Amino acid sequence: MKTYRYVIVGGGMTADAAVDGIREVDEEGSIGLFSEERFPPYNRPPLSKGLWKGERLEQSWRKVKAPAGVEEHLGVRIVALDPAERKVIDADGNAWGYEKCFLAVGGRPKRLAFGEEAARAGDLIYFRTLEDYLQLRWKAALEGEFVVVGGGFIGAEVAAALAMQGKRVSMIFPEATILERLFPPELGQAVNRAYEERGVRLLTGDVPVEIVRQGELLEVRSRKGERLRAGAVVAGLGIAPGEELARGAGLAVEDGILVDRFLRTSRPDVFAGGDCARFPAPALGEGRTLRVEHEENANAQGRLAGRNMALAATGRAPGAAREDGEGLEPYDYLPFFYSDMFELGYEAVGVLDSRLQTFADWKEPLREGVVYYLDQGRVVGVLDWNVWDAIPQARALIEEGATYPDPSRLKGRIGA
């Protein structure tokens, strides 16, 4: 059994950032990176954004080649983690030892209860990976009609990308508006109108119930009786966090792998970060936790987890195994996220949940302004709608922890 000083399970942005974090502290320790994908680490956001606007694919690669001392095992699926023996096991039964292990396993796309034949044929795409992008790009070169299932982040971005390529796009989702759980109703309705003005047909309050082949095309049949014809169907239904390895190893999980402020799991030699990790968020109040599926969090958590693993492995953190983690670096950061939809765009930080109390401070109604999200009067999230470079102000406001019984007092706080 080959043993590495560091084993990284996952090959995405978080995993690659962990390599960088390790090397900032430990220049020589051996690293084994195991990824189910056949590609080396790449940036994921361009798959539904920049690559549809002229960005070249080679710009997405994280590195030209793996750094010295890093062995990339591509197309390898790790199926078991044994913390007691400090080893991971791949699908072929091979075991790999470690001193420190990092779980950067992301998540798996949620799937429809039907359509597996179309998925096997490549006509139903659960959009998440570079492989999925290449498949959809090939379909976009051949087909003119697409159905997008889901009104969340991926559904909204992919629908906009296809429409900007001149494709006829229908979106079907059960909510009343695009990103309904994120945007307050009046903003969600404005986004709906923006999509419809650009030719995207919206089927709101509806869900597909069947996908059948009709000659060269697919027909998507909905609960309300709609029949949508498409050359391909793209499903963006969100992800389920990758908990399987952690759960099988007896680690604590709760809608993600539970980590402490140093990104350690319930086994101190195993760390986790990125889409799969649920971490403390002290900026939001005592006891609050988050799981964030966005780029900045992936990069920041990966780098810090790598540093902390290396600090522990090299003995530079004397209390690395203790609860107080003496010598380790805490992840007290509140990451931001962003999206682009046609010419619309936003940056946001904290908890954005349309069920919370909101206060909108519009410079131009529904076109440019700031939306504040409050929980019992405390600002826990900020949405900068077509307002840029204001995230530091928003983050400082959240961390301030003040309460606003009268939310109108927030007018002019950000982006003035």
Protein backbone atom coordinates (compact mmCIF):
# COMPACT_ATOMS: atom_id res chain seq x y z
CA MET A 1 0.00 0.00 0.00
CA LYS A 2 1.50 3.31 -1.07
CA THR A 3 1.26 6.03 1.55
CA TYR A 4 1.20 9.77 0.90
CA ARG A 5 1.64 12.46 3.48
CA TYR A 6 -1.56 14.02 2.10
CA VAL A 7 -4.42 12.33 0.28
CA ILE A 8 -6.95 14.60 -1.42
CA VAL A 9 -10.21 13.00 -2.51
CA GLY A 10 -11.67 15.14 -5.28
CA GLY A 11 -10.30 16.92 -8.31
CA GLY A 12 -12.13 20.23 -8.45
CA MET A 13 -11.32 23.79 -7.45
CA THR A 14 -11.31 22.99 -3.72
CA ALA A 15 -8.90 20.09 -4.19
CA ASP A 16 -6.54 22.14 -6.33
CA ALA A 17 -6.60 25.03 -3.85
CA ALA A 18 -5.67 22.54 -1.12
CA VAL A 19 -2.56 21.59 -3.09
CA ASP A 20 -1.55 25.26 -3.13
CA GLY A 21 -2.26 25.59 0.60
CA ILE A 22 -0.14 22.54 1.44
CA ARG A 23 2.75 23.82 -0.63
CA GLU A 24 2.69 27.19 1.16
CA VAL A 25 3.68 25.32 4.34
CA ASP A 26 5.20 22.01 3.21
CA GLU A 27 7.25 22.17 0.02
CA GLU A 28 8.14 18.49 -0.13
CA GLY A 29 5.39 16.36 1.44
CA SER A 30 3.95 13.83 -1.02
CA ILE A 31 0.40 14.46 -2.24
CA GLY A 32 -1.96 11.99 -3.90
CA LEU A 33 -4.98 13.57 -5.60
CA PHE A 34 -7.82 11.23 -6.60
CA SER A 35 -10.50 12.44 -9.01
CA GLU A 36 -13.37 10.64 -10.67
CA GLU A 37 -13.08 12.99 -13.64
CA ARG A 38 -10.64 12.30 -16.45
CA PHE A 39 -9.58 15.94 -16.59
CA PRO A 40 -7.07 17.66 -14.28
CA PRO A 41 -8.50 20.39 -12.03
CA TYR A 42 -10.31 23.22 -13.81
CA ASN A 43 -12.43 26.24 -12.92
CA ARG A 44 -16.12 25.31 -12.86
CA PRO A 45 -17.92 28.71 -13.18
CA PRO A 46 -16.95 29.23 -16.86
CA LEU A 47 -18.90 26.10 -17.79
CA SER A 48 -22.16 28.05 -17.53
CA LYS A 49 -20.74 31.57 -17.94
CA GLY A 50 -17.55 32.61 -19.71
CA LEU A 51 -17.16 29.69 -22.10
CA TRP A 52 -20.44 30.73 -23.75
CA LYS A 53 -19.19 34.30 -24.14
CA GLY A 54 -15.96 33.66 -25.99
CA GLU A 55 -13.63 32.58 -23.19
CA ARG A 56 -11.25 29.87 -24.41
CA LEU A 57 -11.36 26.44 -22.82
CA GLU A 58 -7.63 26.44 -22.06
CA GLN A 59 -8.21 29.43 -19.77
CA SER A 60 -10.20 27.15 -17.47
CA TRP A 61 -7.30 24.87 -16.52
CA ARG A 62 -6.07 25.51 -13.01
CA LYS A 63 -2.47 24.55 -13.77
CA VAL A 64 -0.41 23.70 -16.84
CA LYS A 65 0.85 20.56 -15.08
CA ALA A 66 0.74 19.03 -11.63
CA PRO A 67 3.30 20.54 -9.22
CA ALA A 68 6.31 18.51 -8.17
CA GLY A 69 5.46 15.88 -5.59
CA VAL A 70 1.79 15.69 -6.60
CA GLU A 71 0.49 12.50 -8.19
CA GLU A 72 -2.89 12.91 -9.92
CA HIS A 73 -4.98 9.77 -10.16
CA LEU A 74 -7.60 10.75 -12.74
CA GLY A 75 -10.65 8.64 -13.48
CA VAL A 76 -10.29 6.94 -10.09
CA ARG A 77 -13.24 6.69 -7.71
CA ILE A 78 -12.57 6.40 -4.00
CA VAL A 79 -15.30 4.25 -2.45
CA ALA A 80 -14.22 3.91 1.17
CA LEU A 81 -12.38 5.84 3.87
CA ASP A 82 -10.88 4.06 6.89
CA PRO A 83 -9.83 6.68 9.46
CA ALA A 84 -8.58 4.06 11.93
CA GLU A 85 -6.15 2.59 9.39
CA ARG A 86 -5.60 5.98 7.71
CA LYS A 87 -6.31 4.75 4.22
CA VAL A 88 -8.71 5.19 1.33
CA ILE A 89 -9.83 2.45 -1.05
CA ASP A 90 -10.67 2.88 -4.72
CA ALA A 91 -13.32 1.09 -6.81
CA ASP A 92 -10.77 -1.52 -7.93
CA GLY A 93 -9.89 -2.42 -4.34
CA ASN A 94 -6.56 -0.60 -4.24
CA ALA A 95 -5.68 0.96 -0.89
CA TRP A 96 -3.78 4.21 -0.40
CA GLY A 97 -2.43 5.36 2.94
CA TYR A 98 -2.24 8.90 4.29
CA GLU A 99 -1.09 10.98 7.24
CA LYS A 100 -3.73 13.65 6.55
CA CYS A 101 -6.77 13.32 4.32
CA PHE A 102 -8.87 16.05 2.71
CA LEU A 103 -12.40 15.37 1.44
CA ALA A 104 -13.16 17.75 -1.41
CA VAL A 105 -15.81 15.54 -2.95
CA GLY A 106 -18.32 18.24 -3.90
CA GLY A 107 -21.74 16.79 -4.61
CA ARG A 108 -23.75 14.83 -7.12
CA PRO A 109 -26.50 16.34 -9.27
CA LYS A 110 -30.02 15.49 -8.17
CA ARG A 111 -31.72 13.39 -10.84
CA LEU A 112 -35.18 13.01 -12.26
CA ALA A 113 -37.13 9.85 -11.50
CA PHE A 114 -37.29 9.10 -15.24
CA GLY A 115 -35.35 9.69 -18.45
CA GLU A 116 -32.41 7.36 -17.83
CA GLU A 117 -32.49 6.16 -21.45
CA ALA A 118 -32.15 9.75 -22.65
CA ALA A 119 -29.36 10.34 -20.12
CA ARG A 120 -27.42 7.30 -21.31
CA ALA A 121 -27.76 8.54 -24.89
CA GLY A 122 -26.37 11.96 -23.89
CA ASP A 123 -29.62 13.76 -24.68
CA LEU A 124 -30.51 14.46 -21.03
CA ILE A 125 -27.60 16.29 -19.41
CA TYR A 126 -27.28 16.75 -15.65
CA PHE A 127 -25.10 19.81 -16.01
CA ARG A 128 -22.13 20.06 -13.62
CA THR A 129 -18.82 18.91 -15.12
CA LEU A 130 -16.57 19.77 -18.04
CA GLU A 131 -17.76 16.57 -19.68
CA ASP A 132 -21.32 17.89 -19.43
CA TYR A 133 -20.29 21.23 -20.93
CA LEU A 134 -18.59 19.55 -23.89
CA GLN A 135 -21.66 17.40 -24.48
CA LEU A 136 -24.00 20.40 -24.35
CA ARG A 137 -21.73 22.49 -26.57
CA TRP A 138 -21.77 19.71 -29.17
CA LYS A 139 -25.56 19.51 -28.91
CA ALA A 140 -25.82 23.30 -29.29
CA ALA A 141 -23.91 23.04 -32.58
CA LEU A 142 -26.45 20.52 -33.89
CA GLU A 143 -29.80 21.38 -32.31
CA GLY A 144 -32.02 24.44 -32.21
CA GLU A 145 -34.45 23.64 -29.37
CA PHE A 146 -33.66 22.97 -25.72
CA VAL A 147 -35.61 22.37 -22.54
CA VAL A 148 -34.01 23.40 -19.24
CA VAL A 149 -35.43 21.74 -16.13
CA GLY A 150 -34.94 23.80 -12.99
CA GLY A 151 -35.04 27.48 -12.10
CA GLY A 152 -32.02 27.64 -9.80
CA PHE A 153 -28.46 28.80 -10.40
CA ILE A 154 -27.49 26.29 -13.06
CA GLY A 155 -30.86 26.31 -14.83
CA ALA A 156 -30.89 30.10 -15.03
CA GLU A 157 -27.31 30.38 -16.28
CA VAL A 158 -27.55 27.57 -18.84
CA ALA A 159 -30.87 28.86 -20.21
CA ALA A 160 -29.34 32.32 -20.66
CA ALA A 161 -26.22 30.86 -22.29
CA LEU A 162 -28.23 28.84 -24.80
CA ALA A 163 -30.55 31.74 -25.60
CA MET A 164 -27.52 33.95 -26.28
CA GLN A 165 -26.43 31.33 -28.82
CA GLY A 166 -29.69 31.89 -30.65
CA LYS A 167 -31.34 28.68 -29.42
CA ARG A 168 -35.03 28.30 -28.63
CA VAL A 169 -35.19 27.59 -24.92
CA SER A 170 -38.01 26.55 -22.61
CA MET A 171 -37.53 26.52 -18.84
CA ILE A 172 -39.78 24.44 -16.63
CA PHE A 173 -39.70 24.62 -12.82
CA PRO A 174 -42.18 24.31 -9.93
CA GLU A 175 -41.60 27.75 -8.44
CA ALA A 176 -43.32 30.97 -9.52
CA THR A 177 -40.09 32.76 -10.43
CA ILE A 178 -36.48 32.05 -11.35
CA LEU A 179 -34.38 31.66 -8.18
CA GLU A 180 -37.52 32.05 -6.08
CA ARG A 181 -35.78 30.90 -2.90
CA LEU A 182 -33.15 33.60 -3.38
CA PHE A 183 -34.88 36.72 -4.69
CA PRO A 184 -37.83 38.57 -3.12
CA PRO A 185 -41.00 38.16 -5.25
CA GLU A 186 -40.91 41.50 -7.07
CA LEU A 187 -37.28 40.97 -8.14
CA GLY A 188 -38.01 37.39 -9.17
CA GLN A 189 -40.87 38.60 -11.36
CA ALA A 190 -38.57 41.16 -12.98
CA VAL A 191 -36.07 38.40 -13.75
CA ASN A 192 -38.85 36.32 -15.29
CA ARG A 193 -39.77 39.23 -17.55
CA ALA A 194 -36.14 39.69 -18.58
CA TYR A 195 -35.92 36.05 -19.69
CA GLU A 196 -39.21 36.20 -21.56
CA GLU A 197 -38.15 39.38 -23.35
CA ARG A 198 -35.13 37.46 -24.63
CA GLY A 199 -37.23 34.66 -26.03
CA VAL A 200 -37.04 32.12 -23.21
CA ARG A 201 -40.37 30.42 -22.63
CA LEU A 202 -41.10 29.97 -18.93
CA LEU A 203 -43.35 27.21 -17.67
CA THR A 204 -43.67 28.12 -14.01
CA GLY A 205 -45.47 26.08 -11.37
CA ASP A 206 -44.97 22.95 -13.44
CA VAL A 207 -42.66 19.94 -13.52
CA PRO A 208 -41.78 17.33 -16.13
CA VAL A 209 -43.22 13.87 -15.57
CA GLU A 210 -41.96 12.00 -18.60
CA ILE A 211 -39.38 12.21 -21.37
CA VAL A 212 -40.03 10.21 -24.52
CA ARG A 213 -38.29 10.03 -27.87
CA GLN A 214 -40.16 11.27 -30.91
CA GLY A 215 -37.98 10.51 -33.91
CA GLU A 216 -34.79 12.57 -33.68
CA LEU A 217 -36.17 14.77 -30.90
CA LEU A 218 -37.18 14.36 -27.28
CA GLU A 219 -40.61 15.26 -25.96
CA VAL A 220 -40.86 16.48 -22.39
CA ARG A 221 -44.35 15.96 -20.95
CA SER A 222 -45.35 18.02 -17.94
CA ARG A 223 -47.75 17.58 -15.05
CA LYS A 224 -49.98 20.31 -16.53
CA GLY A 225 -50.13 18.58 -19.90
CA GLU A 226 -47.50 20.58 -21.79
CA ARG A 227 -45.49 18.80 -24.48
CA LEU A 228 -42.12 20.36 -25.19
CA ARG A 229 -39.94 19.19 -28.07
CA ALA A 230 -36.18 19.49 -27.79
CA GLY A 231 -32.95 18.27 -29.28
CA ALA A 232 -31.62 17.98 -25.74
CA VAL A 233 -32.77 18.48 -22.17
CA VAL A 234 -30.57 20.08 -19.50
CA ALA A 235 -31.40 19.39 -15.86
CA GLY A 236 -30.17 21.77 -13.17
CA LEU A 237 -31.85 20.46 -10.03
CA GLY A 238 -29.17 21.27 -7.50
CA ILE A 239 -26.79 18.84 -5.85
CA ALA A 240 -26.77 16.48 -2.92
CA PRO A 241 -23.56 17.04 -0.91
CA GLY A 242 -21.04 14.21 -1.11
CA GLU A 243 -21.50 12.60 2.30
CA GLU A 244 -21.14 8.92 1.40
CA LEU A 245 -17.45 8.49 2.26
CA ALA A 246 -17.79 10.45 5.48
CA ARG A 247 -20.94 8.63 6.58
CA GLY A 248 -19.40 5.24 5.80
CA ALA A 249 -16.36 6.19 7.88
CA GLY A 250 -18.51 7.23 10.85
CA LEU A 251 -17.83 10.95 10.50
CA ALA A 252 -20.48 13.47 11.56
CA VAL A 253 -22.73 14.64 8.70
CA GLU A 254 -25.75 16.95 8.54
CA ASP A 255 -26.61 18.19 5.05
CA GLY A 256 -22.88 18.10 4.43
CA ILE A 257 -19.81 16.89 6.26
CA LEU A 258 -19.61 18.72 9.58
CA VAL A 259 -16.33 20.51 10.16
CA ASP A 260 -15.05 22.79 12.91
CA ARG A 261 -13.61 26.28 12.45
CA PHE A 262 -10.28 24.71 11.37
CA LEU A 263 -12.06 22.58 8.72
CA ARG A 264 -11.44 19.35 10.64
CA THR A 265 -14.10 16.66 10.60
CA SER A 266 -15.01 14.66 13.69
CA ARG A 267 -11.72 12.80 13.03
CA PRO A 268 -8.91 15.39 13.37
CA ASP A 269 -6.73 13.79 10.67
CA VAL A 270 -9.53 14.13 8.12
CA PHE A 271 -10.45 17.58 6.80
CA ALA A 272 -13.26 18.62 4.44
CA GLY A 273 -14.12 21.70 2.43
CA GLY A 274 -16.02 23.12 -0.51
CA ASP A 275 -19.52 22.11 -1.60
CA CYS A 276 -19.58 19.07 0.68
CA ALA A 277 -18.70 20.80 3.97
CA ARG A 278 -20.94 22.43 6.57
CA PHE A 279 -18.90 24.89 8.62
CA PRO A 280 -19.42 27.36 11.50
CA ALA A 281 -20.35 30.89 10.43
CA PRO A 282 -19.78 33.09 13.49
CA ALA A 283 -20.37 36.24 11.44
CA LEU A 284 -24.05 35.24 11.29
CA GLY A 285 -24.42 34.71 15.02
CA GLU A 286 -23.64 32.10 17.64
CA GLY A 287 -24.19 28.52 16.50
CA ARG A 288 -24.95 29.33 12.86
CA THR A 289 -23.52 27.06 10.17
CA LEU A 290 -23.36 27.25 6.39
CA ARG A 291 -22.77 25.01 3.41
CA VAL A 292 -21.78 27.09 0.38
CA GLU A 293 -21.66 25.83 -3.22
CA HIS A 294 -19.73 28.68 -4.82
CA GLU A 295 -16.31 29.52 -6.22
CA GLU A 296 -14.84 31.79 -3.57
CA ASN A 297 -15.69 29.40 -0.77
CA ALA A 298 -14.17 26.50 -2.71
CA ASN A 299 -10.90 28.34 -3.21
CA ALA A 300 -10.68 29.84 0.28
CA GLN A 301 -11.59 26.65 2.15
CA GLY A 302 -9.36 24.48 -0.02
CA ARG A 303 -6.33 26.68 0.55
CA LEU A 304 -6.92 26.96 4.31
CA ALA A 305 -7.56 23.23 4.73
CA GLY A 306 -4.33 22.54 2.87
CA ARG A 307 -2.41 24.91 5.12
CA ASN A 308 -3.91 23.41 8.27
CA MET A 309 -3.18 19.85 7.18
CA ALA A 310 0.42 20.82 6.49
CA LEU A 311 0.75 22.72 9.77
CA ALA A 312 -0.47 19.61 11.59
CA ALA A 313 1.58 17.12 9.57
CA THR A 314 4.84 19.04 9.94
CA GLY A 315 4.38 19.61 13.65
CA ARG A 316 4.09 23.38 13.33
CA ALA A 317 0.68 23.33 15.03
CA PRO A 318 1.35 21.93 18.51
CA GLY A 319 -2.32 21.58 19.38
CA ALA A 320 -3.60 20.35 16.01
CA ALA A 321 -5.36 17.37 17.55
CA ARG A 322 -6.87 19.34 20.43
CA GLU A 323 -10.26 20.97 20.36
CA ASP A 324 -8.72 24.45 20.48
CA GLY A 325 -6.56 23.61 17.44
CA GLU A 326 -3.59 25.61 18.74
CA GLY A 327 -1.40 26.63 15.81
CA LEU A 328 -4.08 26.06 13.17
CA GLU A 329 -5.76 28.86 11.25
CA PRO A 330 -9.53 29.39 11.68
CA TYR A 331 -11.94 29.73 8.79
CA ASP A 332 -13.98 32.69 10.01
CA TYR A 333 -14.48 34.04 6.52
CA LEU A 334 -17.88 34.78 5.00
CA PRO A 335 -17.55 33.96 1.27
CA PHE A 336 -19.41 35.80 -1.46
CA PHE A 337 -20.99 34.47 -4.65
CA TYR A 338 -22.14 35.90 -7.95
CA SER A 339 -24.01 35.12 -11.15
CA ASP A 340 -24.59 36.53 -14.63
CA MET A 341 -27.88 36.20 -16.52
CA PHE A 342 -27.89 38.01 -19.86
CA GLU A 343 -26.85 41.58 -18.97
CA LEU A 344 -28.16 41.12 -15.42
CA GLY A 345 -25.72 40.32 -12.68
CA TYR A 346 -25.23 40.35 -8.95
CA GLU A 347 -22.83 39.69 -6.11
CA ALA A 348 -24.04 38.47 -2.74
CA VAL A 349 -22.80 37.44 0.66
CA GLY A 350 -24.34 35.71 3.67
CA VAL A 351 -27.74 34.03 3.80
CA LEU A 352 -30.09 34.91 0.94
CA ASP A 353 -33.48 33.37 1.62
CA SER A 354 -36.61 35.02 0.25
CA ARG A 355 -38.54 33.73 3.27
CA LEU A 356 -36.62 36.15 5.48
CA GLN A 357 -37.59 39.78 5.96
CA THR A 358 -36.09 41.88 3.16
CA PHE A 359 -35.51 45.56 2.59
CA ALA A 360 -34.70 46.83 -0.90
CA ASP A 361 -32.75 50.06 -1.43
CA TRP A 362 -33.12 50.70 -5.16
CA LYS A 363 -31.11 53.31 -7.03
CA GLU A 364 -33.18 52.31 -10.07
CA PRO A 365 -36.17 50.09 -9.19
CA LEU A 366 -35.45 46.42 -9.93
CA ARG A 367 -32.45 47.39 -12.08
CA GLU A 368 -29.76 48.61 -9.68
CA GLY A 369 -29.69 48.51 -5.92
CA VAL A 370 -29.13 46.55 -2.73
CA VAL A 371 -31.42 44.04 -1.02
CA TYR A 372 -30.88 43.32 2.67
CA TYR A 373 -32.00 40.05 4.29
CA LEU A 374 -32.81 40.24 8.00
CA ASP A 375 -33.35 37.58 10.64
CA GLN A 376 -35.01 39.03 13.77
CA GLY A 377 -33.74 42.45 12.74
CA ARG A 378 -30.15 41.37 12.17
CA VAL A 379 -28.69 41.61 8.67
CA VAL A 380 -27.58 38.10 7.65
CA GLY A 381 -27.38 38.54 3.88
CA VAL A 382 -26.85 41.23 1.24
CA LEU A 383 -27.63 41.09 -2.48
CA ASP A 384 -25.88 43.69 -4.65
CA TRP A 385 -28.01 43.78 -7.81
CA ASN A 386 -26.00 45.30 -10.67
CA VAL A 387 -23.94 46.97 -7.95
CA TRP A 388 -20.25 46.09 -8.00
CA ASP A 389 -17.26 46.17 -5.67
CA ALA A 390 -19.47 46.58 -2.58
CA ILE A 391 -18.97 43.13 -1.03
CA PRO A 392 -16.45 44.35 1.59
CA GLN A 393 -19.07 46.85 2.82
CA ALA A 394 -21.74 44.14 2.87
CA ARG A 395 -19.53 41.69 4.73
CA ALA A 396 -18.61 44.32 7.33
CA LEU A 397 -22.28 45.14 7.86
CA ILE A 398 -23.14 41.49 8.49
CA GLU A 399 -20.19 40.99 10.83
CA GLU A 400 -21.20 44.12 12.75
CA GLY A 401 -24.15 42.13 14.11
CA ALA A 402 -26.36 45.17 14.74
CA THR A 403 -30.14 44.88 14.66
CA TYR A 404 -32.48 47.10 12.67
CA PRO A 405 -36.03 47.10 14.04
CA ASP A 406 -36.67 49.72 11.37
CA PRO A 407 -35.01 48.31 8.20
CA SER A 408 -35.39 51.65 6.42
CA ARG A 409 -32.37 52.79 8.44
CA LEU A 410 -30.32 50.63 6.06
CA LYS A 411 -31.03 52.99 3.18
CA GLY A 412 -27.75 54.21 1.71
CA ARG A 413 -25.53 51.94 3.82
CA ILE A 414 -24.01 50.14 0.82
CA GLY A 415 -23.04 51.27 -2.66
CA ALA A 416 -23.65 54.95 -2.04
